[in-house]
Full PDB file with SEQRES, HELIX, SHEET, SSBOND, CRYST1, ORIGX, SCALE, CONECT and MASTER records, all heavy atoms in Angstrom:
SEQRES   1 A   33  LYS LEU VAL ARG THR ASN GLU GLU ASN ARG VAL SER ILE          
SEQRES   2 A   33  ILE TRP ILE PRO ASP GLY ARG GLN PRO SER GLU LEU SER          
SEQRES   3 A   33  PRO ARG ILE LEU LYS SER VAL                                  
HELIX    1 AA1 LEU A    2  THR A    5  1                                   4    
HELIX    2 AA2 PRO A   27  SER A   32  1                                   6    
CRYST1    1.000    1.000    1.000  90.00  90.00  90.00 P 1           1          
ORIGX1      1.000000  0.000000  0.000000        0.00000                         
ORIGX2      0.000000  1.000000  0.000000        0.00000                         
ORIGX3      0.000000  0.000000  1.000000        0.00000                         
SCALE1      1.000000  0.000000  0.000000        0.00000                         
SCALE2      0.000000  1.000000  0.000000        0.00000                         
SCALE3      0.000000  0.000000  1.000000        0.00000                         
ATOM      1  N   LYS A   1     -11.895  -9.741  -0.610  1.00  0.00           N  
ATOM      2  CA  LYS A   1     -12.287 -10.081   0.747  1.00  0.00           C  
ATOM      3  C   LYS A   1     -13.502  -9.213   1.184  1.00  0.00           C  
ATOM      4  O   LYS A   1     -14.493  -9.710   1.733  1.00  0.00           O  
ATOM      5  CB  LYS A   1     -11.154  -9.836   1.723  1.00  0.00           C  
ATOM      6  CG  LYS A   1     -11.463 -10.222   3.148  1.00  0.00           C  
ATOM      7  CD  LYS A   1     -10.241  -9.979   4.012  1.00  0.00           C  
ATOM      8  CE  LYS A   1     -10.587 -10.250   5.483  1.00  0.00           C  
ATOM      9  NZ  LYS A   1      -9.430  -9.976   6.327  1.00  0.00           N  
ATOM     10  N   LEU A   2     -13.421  -7.936   0.869  1.00  0.00           N  
ATOM     11  CA  LEU A   2     -14.439  -7.015   1.247  1.00  0.00           C  
ATOM     12  C   LEU A   2     -15.791  -7.344   0.574  1.00  0.00           C  
ATOM     13  O   LEU A   2     -16.846  -7.351   1.212  1.00  0.00           O  
ATOM     14  CB  LEU A   2     -14.029  -5.556   0.894  1.00  0.00           C  
ATOM     15  CG  LEU A   2     -14.989  -4.448   1.321  1.00  0.00           C  
ATOM     16  CD1 LEU A   2     -15.242  -4.512   2.821  1.00  0.00           C  
ATOM     17  CD2 LEU A   2     -14.378  -3.120   0.903  1.00  0.00           C  
ATOM     18  N   VAL A   3     -15.791  -7.609  -0.680  1.00  0.00           N  
ATOM     19  CA  VAL A   3     -17.046  -7.914  -1.394  1.00  0.00           C  
ATOM     20  C   VAL A   3     -17.635  -9.214  -0.905  1.00  0.00           C  
ATOM     21  O   VAL A   3     -18.887  -9.363  -0.862  1.00  0.00           O  
ATOM     22  CB  VAL A   3     -16.847  -7.880  -2.930  1.00  0.00           C  
ATOM     23  CG1 VAL A   3     -16.179  -9.118  -3.432  1.00  0.00           C  
ATOM     24  CG2 VAL A   3     -18.167  -7.633  -3.642  1.00  0.00           C  
ATOM     25  N   ARG A   4     -16.853 -10.137  -0.495  1.00  0.00           N  
ATOM     26  CA  ARG A   4     -17.363 -11.402   0.017  1.00  0.00           C  
ATOM     27  C   ARG A   4     -17.910 -11.323   1.415  1.00  0.00           C  
ATOM     28  O   ARG A   4     -18.785 -12.056   1.775  1.00  0.00           O  
ATOM     29  CB  ARG A   4     -16.261 -12.494  -0.061  1.00  0.00           C  
ATOM     30  CG  ARG A   4     -15.993 -12.949  -1.466  1.00  0.00           C  
ATOM     31  CD  ARG A   4     -15.065 -14.148  -1.467  1.00  0.00           C  
ATOM     32  NE  ARG A   4     -14.945 -14.595  -2.842  1.00  0.00           N  
ATOM     33  CZ  ARG A   4     -13.781 -14.755  -3.466  1.00  0.00           C  
ATOM     34  NH1 ARG A   4     -12.639 -14.457  -2.872  1.00  0.00           N  
ATOM     35  NH2 ARG A   4     -13.753 -15.200  -4.685  1.00  0.00           N  
ATOM     36  N   THR A   5     -17.408 -10.365   2.208  1.00  0.00           N  
ATOM     37  CA  THR A   5     -17.841 -10.262   3.580  1.00  0.00           C  
ATOM     38  C   THR A   5     -18.880  -9.137   3.763  1.00  0.00           C  
ATOM     39  O   THR A   5     -19.544  -9.060   4.795  1.00  0.00           O  
ATOM     40  CB  THR A   5     -16.669  -9.968   4.539  1.00  0.00           C  
ATOM     41  OG1 THR A   5     -15.988  -8.761   4.157  1.00  0.00           O  
ATOM     42  CG2 THR A   5     -15.704 -11.133   4.527  1.00  0.00           C  
ATOM     43  N   ASN A   6     -19.036  -8.280   2.777  1.00  0.00           N  
ATOM     44  CA  ASN A   6     -20.012  -7.228   2.802  1.00  0.00           C  
ATOM     45  C   ASN A   6     -21.427  -7.782   2.760  1.00  0.00           C  
ATOM     46  O   ASN A   6     -21.730  -8.718   1.962  1.00  0.00           O  
ATOM     47  CB  ASN A   6     -19.773  -6.239   1.618  1.00  0.00           C  
ATOM     48  CG  ASN A   6     -20.636  -5.032   1.597  1.00  0.00           C  
ATOM     49  OD1 ASN A   6     -21.875  -5.142   1.556  1.00  0.00           O  
ATOM     50  ND2 ASN A   6     -20.027  -3.879   1.653  1.00  0.00           N  
ATOM     51  N   GLU A   7     -22.316  -7.283   3.557  1.00  0.00           N  
ATOM     52  CA  GLU A   7     -23.679  -7.780   3.630  1.00  0.00           C  
ATOM     53  C   GLU A   7     -24.401  -7.781   2.279  1.00  0.00           C  
ATOM     54  O   GLU A   7     -25.156  -8.697   1.955  1.00  0.00           O  
ATOM     55  CB  GLU A   7     -24.483  -6.897   4.620  1.00  0.00           C  
ATOM     56  CG  GLU A   7     -25.862  -7.473   4.885  1.00  0.00           C  
ATOM     57  CD  GLU A   7     -26.562  -6.688   5.983  1.00  0.00           C  
ATOM     58  OE1 GLU A   7     -26.020  -6.618   7.103  1.00  0.00           O  
ATOM     59  OE2 GLU A   7     -27.611  -6.089   5.678  1.00  0.00           O  
ATOM     60  N   GLU A   8     -24.121  -6.798   1.454  1.00  0.00           N  
ATOM     61  CA  GLU A   8     -24.763  -6.675   0.149  1.00  0.00           C  
ATOM     62  C   GLU A   8     -23.952  -7.340  -0.946  1.00  0.00           C  
ATOM     63  O   GLU A   8     -24.406  -7.371  -2.116  1.00  0.00           O  
ATOM     64  CB  GLU A   8     -24.965  -5.201  -0.206  1.00  0.00           C  
ATOM     65  CG  GLU A   8     -25.816  -4.422   0.730  1.00  0.00           C  
ATOM     66  CD  GLU A   8     -25.852  -2.940   0.484  1.00  0.00           C  
ATOM     67  OE1 GLU A   8     -25.210  -2.509  -0.540  1.00  0.00           O  
ATOM     68  OE2 GLU A   8     -26.499  -2.248   1.264  1.00  0.00           O  
ATOM     69  N   ASN A   9     -22.788  -7.884  -0.607  1.00  0.00           N  
ATOM     70  CA  ASN A   9     -21.875  -8.499  -1.634  1.00  0.00           C  
ATOM     71  C   ASN A   9     -21.589  -7.530  -2.762  1.00  0.00           C  
ATOM     72  O   ASN A   9     -21.515  -7.892  -3.923  1.00  0.00           O  
ATOM     73  CB  ASN A   9     -22.468  -9.783  -2.178  1.00  0.00           C  
ATOM     74  CG  ASN A   9     -22.480 -10.900  -1.158  1.00  0.00           C  
ATOM     75  OD1 ASN A   9     -21.627 -10.941  -0.215  1.00  0.00           O  
ATOM     76  ND2 ASN A   9     -23.412 -11.746  -1.274  1.00  0.00           N  
ATOM     77  N   ARG A  10     -21.461  -6.251  -2.371  1.00  0.00           N  
ATOM     78  CA  ARG A  10     -21.176  -5.174  -3.398  1.00  0.00           C  
ATOM     79  C   ARG A  10     -20.372  -4.050  -2.694  1.00  0.00           C  
ATOM     80  O   ARG A  10     -20.619  -3.732  -1.558  1.00  0.00           O  
ATOM     81  CB  ARG A  10     -22.498  -4.603  -3.862  1.00  0.00           C  
ATOM     82  CG  ARG A  10     -22.399  -3.484  -4.885  1.00  0.00           C  
ATOM     83  CD  ARG A  10     -23.772  -3.073  -5.329  1.00  0.00           C  
ATOM     84  NE  ARG A  10     -24.410  -4.131  -6.157  1.00  0.00           N  
ATOM     85  CZ  ARG A  10     -24.241  -4.281  -7.445  1.00  0.00           C  
ATOM     86  NH1 ARG A  10     -23.523  -3.405  -8.119  1.00  0.00           N  
ATOM     87  NH2 ARG A  10     -24.866  -5.215  -8.108  1.00  0.00           N  
ATOM     88  N   VAL A  11     -19.412  -3.592  -3.459  1.00  0.00           N  
ATOM     89  CA  VAL A  11     -18.555  -2.459  -3.007  1.00  0.00           C  
ATOM     90  C   VAL A  11     -18.514  -1.430  -4.114  1.00  0.00           C  
ATOM     91  O   VAL A  11     -18.387  -1.736  -5.283  1.00  0.00           O  
ATOM     92  CB  VAL A  11     -17.143  -2.982  -2.726  1.00  0.00           C  
ATOM     93  CG1 VAL A  11     -16.230  -1.796  -2.337  1.00  0.00           C  
ATOM     94  CG2 VAL A  11     -17.150  -3.966  -1.569  1.00  0.00           C  
ATOM     95  N   SER A  12     -18.672  -0.147  -3.740  1.00  0.00           N  
ATOM     96  CA  SER A  12     -18.640   0.969  -4.697  1.00  0.00           C  
ATOM     97  C   SER A  12     -17.427   1.864  -4.361  1.00  0.00           C  
ATOM     98  O   SER A  12     -17.029   2.073  -3.237  1.00  0.00           O  
ATOM     99  CB  SER A  12     -19.864   1.822  -4.517  1.00  0.00           C  
ATOM    100  OG  SER A  12     -21.026   1.063  -4.820  1.00  0.00           O  
ATOM    101  N   ILE A  13     -16.784   2.282  -5.514  1.00  0.00           N  
ATOM    102  CA  ILE A  13     -15.716   3.282  -5.399  1.00  0.00           C  
ATOM    103  C   ILE A  13     -16.216   4.471  -6.233  1.00  0.00           C  
ATOM    104  O   ILE A  13     -16.587   4.302  -7.403  1.00  0.00           O  
ATOM    105  CB  ILE A  13     -14.425   2.757  -5.948  1.00  0.00           C  
ATOM    106  CG1 ILE A  13     -13.938   1.574  -5.104  1.00  0.00           C  
ATOM    107  CG2 ILE A  13     -13.381   3.831  -6.005  1.00  0.00           C  
ATOM    108  CD1 ILE A  13     -12.722   0.813  -5.654  1.00  0.00           C  
ATOM    109  N   ILE A  14     -16.219   5.650  -5.604  1.00  0.00           N  
ATOM    110  CA  ILE A  14     -16.698   6.837  -6.236  1.00  0.00           C  
ATOM    111  C   ILE A  14     -15.500   7.623  -6.753  1.00  0.00           C  
ATOM    112  O   ILE A  14     -14.657   8.067  -5.952  1.00  0.00           O  
ATOM    113  CB  ILE A  14     -17.534   7.728  -5.251  1.00  0.00           C  
ATOM    114  CG1 ILE A  14     -18.569   6.915  -4.499  1.00  0.00           C  
ATOM    115  CG2 ILE A  14     -18.127   8.924  -5.991  1.00  0.00           C  
ATOM    116  CD1 ILE A  14     -19.595   6.199  -5.310  1.00  0.00           C  
ATOM    117  N   TRP A  15     -15.435   7.848  -8.033  1.00  0.00           N  
ATOM    118  CA  TRP A  15     -14.318   8.635  -8.635  1.00  0.00           C  
ATOM    119  C   TRP A  15     -14.743  10.067  -8.842  1.00  0.00           C  
ATOM    120  O   TRP A  15     -13.981  10.965  -8.493  1.00  0.00           O  
ATOM    121  CB  TRP A  15     -13.903   7.996  -9.997  1.00  0.00           C  
ATOM    122  CG  TRP A  15     -13.478   6.565  -9.845  1.00  0.00           C  
ATOM    123  CD1 TRP A  15     -14.236   5.467 -10.044  1.00  0.00           C  
ATOM    124  CD2 TRP A  15     -12.172   6.098  -9.410  1.00  0.00           C  
ATOM    125  NE1 TRP A  15     -13.504   4.345  -9.795  1.00  0.00           N  
ATOM    126  CE2 TRP A  15     -12.234   4.725  -9.441  1.00  0.00           C  
ATOM    127  CE3 TRP A  15     -11.035   6.742  -9.081  1.00  0.00           C  
ATOM    128  CZ2 TRP A  15     -11.145   3.911  -9.054  1.00  0.00           C  
ATOM    129  CZ3 TRP A  15      -9.904   5.949  -8.712  1.00  0.00           C  
ATOM    130  CH2 TRP A  15     -10.007   4.551  -8.724  1.00  0.00           C  
ATOM    131  N   ILE A  16     -15.930  10.279  -9.371  1.00  0.00           N  
ATOM    132  CA  ILE A  16     -16.425  11.622  -9.677  1.00  0.00           C  
ATOM    133  C   ILE A  16     -17.918  11.593  -9.299  1.00  0.00           C  
ATOM    134  O   ILE A  16     -18.608  10.639  -9.701  1.00  0.00           O  
ATOM    135  CB  ILE A  16     -16.252  12.029 -11.138  1.00  0.00           C  
ATOM    136  CG1 ILE A  16     -14.787  12.067 -11.468  1.00  0.00           C  
ATOM    137  CG2 ILE A  16     -16.906  13.366 -11.420  1.00  0.00           C  
ATOM    138  CD1 ILE A  16     -14.496  12.290 -12.946  1.00  0.00           C  
ATOM    139  N   PRO A  17     -18.475  12.505  -8.513  1.00  0.00           N  
ATOM    140  CA  PRO A  17     -17.813  13.682  -8.039  1.00  0.00           C  
ATOM    141  C   PRO A  17     -16.906  13.337  -6.861  1.00  0.00           C  
ATOM    142  O   PRO A  17     -17.073  12.300  -6.211  1.00  0.00           O  
ATOM    143  CB  PRO A  17     -18.976  14.571  -7.540  1.00  0.00           C  
ATOM    144  CG  PRO A  17     -20.064  13.615  -7.214  1.00  0.00           C  
ATOM    145  CD  PRO A  17     -19.857  12.451  -8.156  1.00  0.00           C  
ATOM    146  N   ASP A  18     -15.936  14.162  -6.647  1.00  0.00           N  
ATOM    147  CA  ASP A  18     -14.977  13.959  -5.559  1.00  0.00           C  
ATOM    148  C   ASP A  18     -15.701  14.088  -4.234  1.00  0.00           C  
ATOM    149  O   ASP A  18     -16.434  15.019  -4.008  1.00  0.00           O  
ATOM    150  CB  ASP A  18     -13.818  14.968  -5.657  1.00  0.00           C  
ATOM    151  CG  ASP A  18     -12.635  14.532  -4.845  1.00  0.00           C  
ATOM    152  OD1 ASP A  18     -12.500  13.334  -4.523  1.00  0.00           O  
ATOM    153  OD2 ASP A  18     -11.851  15.428  -4.497  1.00  0.00           O  
ATOM    154  N   GLY A  19     -15.583  13.098  -3.444  1.00  0.00           N  
ATOM    155  CA  GLY A  19     -16.281  13.101  -2.191  1.00  0.00           C  
ATOM    156  C   GLY A  19     -15.811  11.965  -1.298  1.00  0.00           C  
ATOM    157  O   GLY A  19     -14.739  11.373  -1.503  1.00  0.00           O  
ATOM    158  N   ARG A  20     -16.622  11.680  -0.356  1.00  0.00           N  
ATOM    159  CA  ARG A  20     -16.282  10.639   0.594  1.00  0.00           C  
ATOM    160  C   ARG A  20     -16.502   9.227   0.038  1.00  0.00           C  
ATOM    161  O   ARG A  20     -17.569   8.958  -0.562  1.00  0.00           O  
ATOM    162  CB  ARG A  20     -17.200  10.846   1.809  1.00  0.00           C  
ATOM    163  CG  ARG A  20     -16.771  10.099   2.998  1.00  0.00           C  
ATOM    164  CD  ARG A  20     -17.606  10.593   4.158  1.00  0.00           C  
ATOM    165  NE  ARG A  20     -17.078  10.030   5.380  1.00  0.00           N  
ATOM    166  CZ  ARG A  20     -17.648  10.115   6.523  1.00  0.00           C  
ATOM    167  NH1 ARG A  20     -18.813  10.743   6.643  1.00  0.00           N  
ATOM    168  NH2 ARG A  20     -17.106   9.589   7.555  1.00  0.00           N  
ATOM    169  N   GLN A  21     -15.542   8.396   0.313  1.00  0.00           N  
ATOM    170  CA  GLN A  21     -15.625   6.984  -0.108  1.00  0.00           C  
ATOM    171  C   GLN A  21     -16.381   6.189   0.964  1.00  0.00           C  
ATOM    172  O   GLN A  21     -16.407   6.593   2.136  1.00  0.00           O  
ATOM    173  CB  GLN A  21     -14.201   6.384  -0.276  1.00  0.00           C  
ATOM    174  CG  GLN A  21     -13.433   6.995  -1.408  1.00  0.00           C  
ATOM    175  CD  GLN A  21     -14.038   6.724  -2.784  1.00  0.00           C  
ATOM    176  OE1 GLN A  21     -14.854   5.841  -2.981  1.00  0.00           O  
ATOM    177  NE2 GLN A  21     -13.649   7.558  -3.717  1.00  0.00           N  
ATOM    178  N   PRO A  22     -16.937   5.058   0.581  1.00  0.00           N  
ATOM    179  CA  PRO A  22     -17.618   4.207   1.575  1.00  0.00           C  
ATOM    180  C   PRO A  22     -16.646   3.867   2.715  1.00  0.00           C  
ATOM    181  O   PRO A  22     -15.451   3.598   2.496  1.00  0.00           O  
ATOM    182  CB  PRO A  22     -18.000   2.959   0.776  1.00  0.00           C  
ATOM    183  CG  PRO A  22     -18.078   3.406  -0.628  1.00  0.00           C  
ATOM    184  CD  PRO A  22     -17.030   4.475  -0.770  1.00  0.00           C  
ATOM    185  N   SER A  23     -17.160   3.818   3.931  1.00  0.00           N  
ATOM    186  CA  SER A  23     -16.326   3.610   5.142  1.00  0.00           C  
ATOM    187  C   SER A  23     -15.649   2.234   5.197  1.00  0.00           C  
ATOM    188  O   SER A  23     -14.681   2.100   5.920  1.00  0.00           O  
ATOM    189  CB  SER A  23     -17.174   3.854   6.372  1.00  0.00           C  
ATOM    190  OG  SER A  23     -18.236   2.922   6.464  1.00  0.00           O  
ATOM    191  N   GLU A  24     -16.200   1.273   4.471  1.00  0.00           N  
ATOM    192  CA  GLU A  24     -15.606  -0.083   4.567  1.00  0.00           C  
ATOM    193  C   GLU A  24     -14.332  -0.268   3.770  1.00  0.00           C  
ATOM    194  O   GLU A  24     -13.671  -1.319   3.879  1.00  0.00           O  
ATOM    195  CB  GLU A  24     -16.678  -1.111   4.171  1.00  0.00           C  
ATOM    196  CG  GLU A  24     -17.015  -1.160   2.685  1.00  0.00           C  
ATOM    197  CD  GLU A  24     -18.277  -0.379   2.363  1.00  0.00           C  
ATOM    198  OE1 GLU A  24     -18.760   0.379   3.199  1.00  0.00           O  
ATOM    199  OE2 GLU A  24     -18.779  -0.529   1.239  1.00  0.00           O  
ATOM    200  N   LEU A  25     -13.954   0.701   2.958  1.00  0.00           N  
ATOM    201  CA  LEU A  25     -12.719   0.578   2.196  1.00  0.00           C  
ATOM    202  C   LEU A  25     -11.508   0.600   3.095  1.00  0.00           C  
ATOM    203  O   LEU A  25     -11.426   1.446   3.943  1.00  0.00           O  
ATOM    204  CB  LEU A  25     -12.634   1.635   1.133  1.00  0.00           C  
ATOM    205  CG  LEU A  25     -13.746   1.707   0.083  1.00  0.00           C  
ATOM    206  CD1 LEU A  25     -13.489   2.835  -0.923  1.00  0.00           C  
ATOM    207  CD2 LEU A  25     -13.924   0.359  -0.646  1.00  0.00           C  
ATOM    208  N   SER A  26     -10.602  -0.333   2.832  1.00  0.00           N  
ATOM    209  CA  SER A  26      -9.379  -0.412   3.664  1.00  0.00           C  
ATOM    210  C   SER A  26      -8.409   0.733   3.346  1.00  0.00           C  
ATOM    211  O   SER A  26      -8.500   1.356   2.263  1.00  0.00           O  
ATOM    212  CB  SER A  26      -8.700  -1.750   3.429  1.00  0.00           C  
ATOM    213  OG  SER A  26      -8.110  -1.752   2.133  1.00  0.00           O  
ATOM    214  N   PRO A  27      -7.483   1.017   4.221  1.00  0.00           N  
ATOM    215  CA  PRO A  27      -6.472   2.050   3.957  1.00  0.00           C  
ATOM    216  C   PRO A  27      -5.728   1.756   2.660  1.00  0.00           C  
ATOM    217  O   PRO A  27      -5.386   2.687   1.925  1.00  0.00           O  
ATOM    218  CB  PRO A  27      -5.566   1.981   5.211  1.00  0.00           C  
ATOM    219  CG  PRO A  27      -6.417   1.484   6.277  1.00  0.00           C  
ATOM    220  CD  PRO A  27      -7.369   0.477   5.587  1.00  0.00           C  
ATOM    221  N   ARG A  28      -5.421   0.480   2.351  1.00  0.00           N  
ATOM    222  CA  ARG A  28      -4.755   0.122   1.101  1.00  0.00           C  
ATOM    223  C   ARG A  28      -5.556   0.516  -0.110  1.00  0.00           C  
ATOM    224  O   ARG A  28      -5.072   1.097  -1.081  1.00  0.00           O  
ATOM    225  CB  ARG A  28      -4.431  -1.362   1.087  1.00  0.00           C  
ATOM    226  CG  ARG A  28      -3.632  -1.794  -0.122  1.00  0.00           C  
ATOM    227  CD  ARG A  28      -3.484  -3.312  -0.295  1.00  0.00           C  
ATOM    228  NE  ARG A  28      -3.637  -4.082   0.912  1.00  0.00           N  
ATOM    229  CZ  ARG A  28      -2.593  -4.491   1.715  1.00  0.00           C  
ATOM    230  NH1 ARG A  28      -1.364  -4.106   1.473  1.00  0.00           N  
ATOM    231  NH2 ARG A  28      -2.850  -5.214   2.791  1.00  0.00           N  
ATOM    232  N   ILE A  29      -6.870   0.205  -0.052  1.00  0.00           N  
ATOM    233  CA  ILE A  29      -7.759   0.552  -1.168  1.00  0.00           C  
ATOM    234  C   ILE A  29      -7.813   2.083  -1.342  1.00  0.00           C  
ATOM    235  O   ILE A  29      -7.731   2.611  -2.415  1.00  0.00           O  
ATOM    236  CB  ILE A  29      -9.178  -0.024  -0.999  1.00  0.00           C  
ATOM    237  CG1 ILE A  29      -9.166  -1.537  -0.997  1.00  0.00           C  
ATOM    238  CG2 ILE A  29     -10.135   0.511  -2.051  1.00  0.00           C  
ATOM    239  CD1 ILE A  29     -10.440  -2.191  -0.559  1.00  0.00           C  
ATOM    240  N   LEU A  30      -8.003   2.791  -0.236  1.00  0.00           N  
ATOM    241  CA  LEU A  30      -8.117   4.278  -0.273  1.00  0.00           C  
ATOM    242  C   LEU A  30      -6.814   4.878  -0.838  1.00  0.00           C  
ATOM    243  O   LEU A  30      -6.888   5.832  -1.582  1.00  0.00           O  
ATOM    244  CB  LEU A  30      -8.404   4.790   1.132  1.00  0.00           C  
ATOM    245  CG  LEU A  30      -9.821   4.468   1.650  1.00  0.00           C  
ATOM    246  CD1 LEU A  30      -9.951   4.871   3.111  1.00  0.00           C  
ATOM    247  CD2 LEU A  30     -10.888   5.103   0.804  1.00  0.00           C  
ATOM    248  N   LYS A  31      -5.685   4.362  -0.445  1.00  0.00           N  
ATOM    249  CA  LYS A  31      -4.411   4.870  -0.932  1.00  0.00           C  
ATOM    250  C   LYS A  31      -4.323   4.683  -2.472  1.00  0.00           C  
ATOM    251  O   LYS A  31      -3.885   5.571  -3.180  1.00  0.00           O  
ATOM    252  CB  LYS A  31      -3.247   4.196  -0.236  1.00  0.00           C  
ATOM    253  CG  LYS A  31      -1.903   4.794  -0.511  1.00  0.00           C  
ATOM    254  CD  LYS A  31      -0.866   4.144   0.405  1.00  0.00           C  
ATOM    255  CE  LYS A  31       0.458   4.883   0.330  1.00  0.00           C  
ATOM    256  NZ  LYS A  31       1.470   4.216   1.206  1.00  0.00           N  
ATOM    257  N   SER A  32      -4.759   3.513  -2.956  1.00  0.00           N  
ATOM    258  CA  SER A  32      -4.746   3.255  -4.408  1.00  0.00           C  
ATOM    259  C   SER A  32      -5.722   4.191  -5.130  1.00  0.00           C  
ATOM    260  O   SER A  32      -5.395   4.735  -6.156  1.00  0.00           O  
ATOM    261  CB  SER A  32      -5.094   1.790  -4.625  1.00  0.00           C  
ATOM    262  OG  SER A  32      -5.130   1.543  -6.019  1.00  0.00           O  
ATOM    263  N   VAL A  33      -6.899   4.331  -4.568  1.00  0.00           N  
ATOM    264  CA  VAL A  33      -7.909   5.219  -5.147  1.00  0.00           C  
ATOM    265  C   VAL A  33      -7.399   6.660  -5.230  1.00  0.00           C  
ATOM    266  O   VAL A  33      -7.525   7.311  -6.305  1.00  0.00           O  
ATOM    267  CB  VAL A  33      -9.264   5.159  -4.379  1.00  0.00           C  
ATOM    268  CG1 VAL A  33     -10.188   6.293  -4.800  1.00  0.00           C  
ATOM    269  CG2 VAL A  33      -9.946   3.770  -4.569  1.00  0.00           C  
TER     270      VAL A  33                                                      
MASTER        0    0    0    2    0    0    0    6  269    1    0    3          
END                                                                             
């Protein structure tokens, strides 16, 4: 849903280095990450 509604049609998840995730990630995605 997020990738289809995102203006860029792209979503990034950062694993390393540990830091802040993109703000558009849902609580469910963040919990899984």
